[in-house]
C-alpha atoms as a PDB file:
ATOM      1  CA  GLN A   1       1.408 -17.694  11.451  1.00  0.00           C
ATOM      2  CA  VAL A   2       1.620 -14.238  10.190  1.00  0.00           C
ATOM      3  CA  GLN A   3      -1.051 -13.163   7.507  1.00  0.00           C
ATOM      4  CA  LEU A   4      -1.150  -9.804   5.646  1.00  0.00           C
ATOM      5  CA  VAL A   5      -4.455  -9.206   3.941  1.00  0.00           C
ATOM      6  CA  GLU A   6      -4.932  -6.485   1.436  1.00  0.00           C
ATOM      7  CA  SER A   7      -8.318  -4.930   0.364  1.00  0.00           C
ATOM      8  CA  GLY A   8      -9.732  -1.799  -1.391  1.00  0.00           C
ATOM      9  CA  GLY A   9      -8.474  -1.897  -4.788  1.00  0.00           C
ATOM     10  CA  GLY A  10     -10.683  -1.386  -7.745  1.00  0.00           C
ATOM     11  CA  LEU A  11     -11.363   0.469 -11.046  1.00  0.00           C
ATOM     12  CA  VAL A  12     -11.175   4.239 -10.939  1.00  0.00           C
ATOM     13  CA  GLN A  13     -11.034   6.879 -13.099  1.00  0.00           C
ATOM     14  CA  ALA A  14      -7.849   9.312 -13.434  1.00  0.00           C
ATOM     15  CA  GLY A  15      -8.273  12.148 -10.716  1.00  0.00           C
ATOM     16  CA  GLY A  16     -10.187   9.591  -8.519  1.00  0.00           C
ATOM     17  CA  SER A  17      -9.181   8.256  -5.065  1.00  0.00           C
ATOM     18  CA  LEU A  18      -8.809   4.969  -3.541  1.00  0.00           C
ATOM     19  CA  ARG A  19      -8.141   3.770  -0.074  1.00  0.00           C
ATOM     20  CA  LEU A  20      -6.380   0.350   0.460  1.00  0.00           C
ATOM     21  CA  SER A  21      -5.998  -1.305   3.894  1.00  0.00           C
ATOM     22  CA  CYS A  22      -3.969  -4.220   5.200  1.00  0.00           C
ATOM     23  CA  VAL A  23      -4.594  -6.264   7.826  1.00  0.00           C
ATOM     24  CA  VAL A  24      -2.106  -8.249   9.625  1.00  0.00           C
ATOM     25  CA  SER A  25      -2.751 -11.132  11.638  1.00  0.00           C
ATOM     26  CA  GLY A  26      -0.432 -13.423  13.820  1.00  0.00           C
ATOM     27  CA  SER A  27       1.394 -13.104  16.737  1.00  0.00           C
ATOM     28  CA  VAL A  28       3.645 -10.000  15.515  1.00  0.00           C
ATOM     29  CA  THR A  29       3.614  -6.022  16.144  1.00  0.00           C
ATOM     30  CA  ILE A  30       3.256  -4.304  12.625  1.00  0.00           C
ATOM     31  CA  ASN A  31       6.277  -2.523  13.314  1.00  0.00           C
ATOM     32  CA  ALA A  32       7.609  -0.998   9.839  1.00  0.00           C
ATOM     33  CA  MET A  33       5.493  -1.349   6.885  1.00  0.00           C
ATOM     34  CA  ALA A  34       5.418  -0.824   3.501  1.00  0.00           C
ATOM     35  CA  TRP A  35       3.408  -0.481   0.366  1.00  0.00           C
ATOM     36  CA  TYR A  36       4.816  -1.556  -2.989  1.00  0.00           C
ATOM     37  CA  ARG A  37       3.447  -1.940  -6.472  1.00  0.00           C
ATOM     38  CA  GLN A  38       4.094  -3.926  -9.593  1.00  0.00           C
ATOM     39  CA  ALA A  39       2.876  -2.931 -13.024  1.00  0.00           C
ATOM     40  CA  PRO A  40       2.907  -5.230 -15.957  1.00  0.00           C
ATOM     41  CA  GLY A  41       6.528  -5.970 -17.223  1.00  0.00           C
ATOM     42  CA  LYS A  42       7.609  -3.742 -14.431  1.00  0.00           C
ATOM     43  CA  GLN A  43       9.858  -4.367 -11.286  1.00  0.00           C
ATOM     44  CA  ARG A  44       8.127  -4.195  -7.980  1.00  0.00           C
ATOM     45  CA  GLU A  45       8.622  -0.573  -6.609  1.00  0.00           C
ATOM     46  CA  LEU A  46       8.504   0.881  -3.009  1.00  0.00           C
ATOM     47  CA  VAL A  47       5.567   3.342  -2.824  1.00  0.00           C
ATOM     48  CA  ALA A  48       5.233   4.478   0.759  1.00  0.00           C
ATOM     49  CA  LEU A  49       6.571   3.467   4.001  1.00  0.00           C
ATOM     50  CA  ILE A  50       5.578   4.029   7.658  1.00  0.00           C
ATOM     51  CA  SER A  51       7.823   3.445  10.797  1.00  0.00           C
ATOM     52  CA  SER A  52       6.499   2.234  14.330  1.00  0.00           C
ATOM     53  CA  ASP A  53       6.146   5.738  15.524  1.00  0.00           C
ATOM     54  CA  GLY A  54       4.265   7.062  12.491  1.00  0.00           C
ATOM     55  CA  GLY A  55       7.043   8.555  10.376  1.00  0.00           C
ATOM     56  CA  THR A  56       6.204   8.014   6.732  1.00  0.00           C
ATOM     57  CA  SER A  57       8.397   8.488   3.383  1.00  0.00           C
ATOM     58  CA  TYR A  58       7.103   8.093  -0.199  1.00  0.00           C
ATOM     59  CA  ALA A  59       8.205   7.593  -3.920  1.00  0.00           C
ATOM     60  CA  MET A  60       8.498  11.163  -5.671  1.00  0.00           C
ATOM     61  CA  SER A  61       6.008   9.659  -8.555  1.00  0.00           C
ATOM     62  CA  VAL A  62       3.207   9.370  -5.530  1.00  0.00           C
ATOM     63  CA  LYS A  63       4.872  12.482  -3.075  1.00  0.00           C
ATOM     64  CA  GLY A  64       1.500  14.819  -2.480  1.00  0.00           C
ATOM     65  CA  ARG A  65      -0.904  12.295  -3.648  1.00  0.00           C
ATOM     66  CA  PHE A  66      -0.493   9.436  -1.442  1.00  0.00           C
ATOM     67  CA  THR A  67      -0.620   9.096   2.393  1.00  0.00           C
ATOM     68  CA  MET A  68      -0.043   6.053   4.140  1.00  0.00           C
ATOM     69  CA  SER A  69      -1.089   5.675   7.794  1.00  0.00           C
ATOM     70  CA  ASN A  70      -1.705   3.014  10.574  1.00  0.00           C
ATOM     71  CA  ASP A  71      -3.827   1.797  13.342  1.00  0.00           C
ATOM     72  CA  ASN A  72      -1.716  -0.152  15.762  1.00  0.00           C
ATOM     73  CA  ALA A  73      -4.244  -1.202  17.831  1.00  0.00           C
ATOM     74  CA  LYS A  74      -6.074  -2.667  14.669  1.00  0.00           C
ATOM     75  CA  LYS A  75      -3.164  -3.956  13.204  1.00  0.00           C
ATOM     76  CA  THR A  76      -3.762  -2.165  10.089  1.00  0.00           C
ATOM     77  CA  VAL A  77      -2.211   0.104   7.500  1.00  0.00           C
ATOM     78  CA  TYR A  78      -3.787   2.327   4.919  1.00  0.00           C
ATOM     79  CA  LEU A  79      -2.637   3.778   1.684  1.00  0.00           C
ATOM     80  CA  GLN A  80      -4.937   7.035   0.825  1.00  0.00           C
ATOM     81  CA  MET A  81      -4.640   7.515  -2.797  1.00  0.00           C
ATOM     82  CA  ASN A  82      -5.962  10.734  -4.550  1.00  0.00           C
ATOM     83  CA  SER A  83      -5.386  12.452  -7.716  1.00  0.00           C
ATOM     84  CA  LEU A  84      -5.181   8.907  -9.248  1.00  0.00           C
ATOM     85  CA  LYS A  85      -3.196   8.668 -12.812  1.00  0.00           C
ATOM     86  CA  PRO A  86      -3.450   5.782 -15.148  1.00  0.00           C
ATOM     87  CA  GLU A  87       0.326   5.291 -14.362  1.00  0.00           C
ATOM     88  CA  ASP A  88      -0.679   4.126 -10.729  1.00  0.00           C
ATOM     89  CA  THR A  89      -2.305   0.933 -12.469  1.00  0.00           C
ATOM     90  CA  ALA A  90      -0.628  -1.787 -10.631  1.00  0.00           C
ATOM     91  CA  VAL A  91      -0.930  -4.702  -8.075  1.00  0.00           C
ATOM     92  CA  TYR A  92      -0.233  -2.901  -4.871  1.00  0.00           C
ATOM     93  CA  TYR A  93       1.161  -4.973  -2.144  1.00  0.00           C
ATOM     94  CA  CYS A  94       1.539  -4.771   1.364  1.00  0.00           C
ATOM     95  CA  ASN A  95       4.832  -5.776   3.526  1.00  0.00           C
ATOM     96  CA  ARG A  96       6.069  -5.798   6.974  1.00  0.00           C
ATOM     97  CA  PHE A  97       8.944  -4.254   5.956  1.00  0.00           C
ATOM     98  CA  GLY A  98      12.485  -6.075   5.835  1.00  0.00           C
ATOM     99  CA  THR A  99      10.521  -9.478   5.951  1.00  0.00           C
ATOM    100  CA  HIS A 100       9.426 -12.013   3.980  1.00  0.00           C
ATOM    101  CA  TYR A 101       5.704 -11.133   4.774  1.00  0.00           C
ATOM    102  CA  TRP A 102       3.559  -9.881   1.784  1.00  0.00           C
ATOM    103  CA  GLY A 103       0.003  -9.862   1.159  1.00  0.00           C
ATOM    104  CA  GLN A 104      -1.762 -11.581  -2.061  1.00  0.00           C
ATOM    105  CA  GLY A 105      -1.770  -7.990  -3.627  1.00  0.00           C
ATOM    106  CA  THR A 106      -4.722  -6.225  -4.565  1.00  0.00           C
ATOM    107  CA  GLN A 107      -5.356  -4.507  -8.243  1.00  0.00           C
ATOM    108  CA  VAL A 108      -5.686  -0.948  -8.886  1.00  0.00           C
ATOM    109  CA  THR A 109      -6.661   0.511 -12.345  1.00  0.00           C
ATOM    110  CA  VAL A 110      -6.747   3.552 -13.414  1.00  0.00           C
ATOM    111  CA  SER A 111      -8.564   4.498 -16.420  1.00  0.00           C
ATOM    112  CA  SER A 112      -7.712   7.553 -18.619  1.00  0.00           C
END
């Protein structure tokens, strides 16, 4: 059974930083992975994507502030979030890209 478990969310002031982690368990490789977020009343949006060889891409709204990385040996992906803004407030979800495997989400709240 495949499970994705996120951690690292919390409350931070604008300009602060947080690091999210997502651990993948089960008999799968982490392959391409993604972070999505969903703010209240809004659709879920793709924030960052990392391929199996480490190539990354980002939404324009977070480019230059967020960095996604992976540790294949630990089957873990990370999202380093710097210079956080109130509009980054959302539940952040980890996803094995292109599959129905999702984490439970972790709340990120940025106060102004």
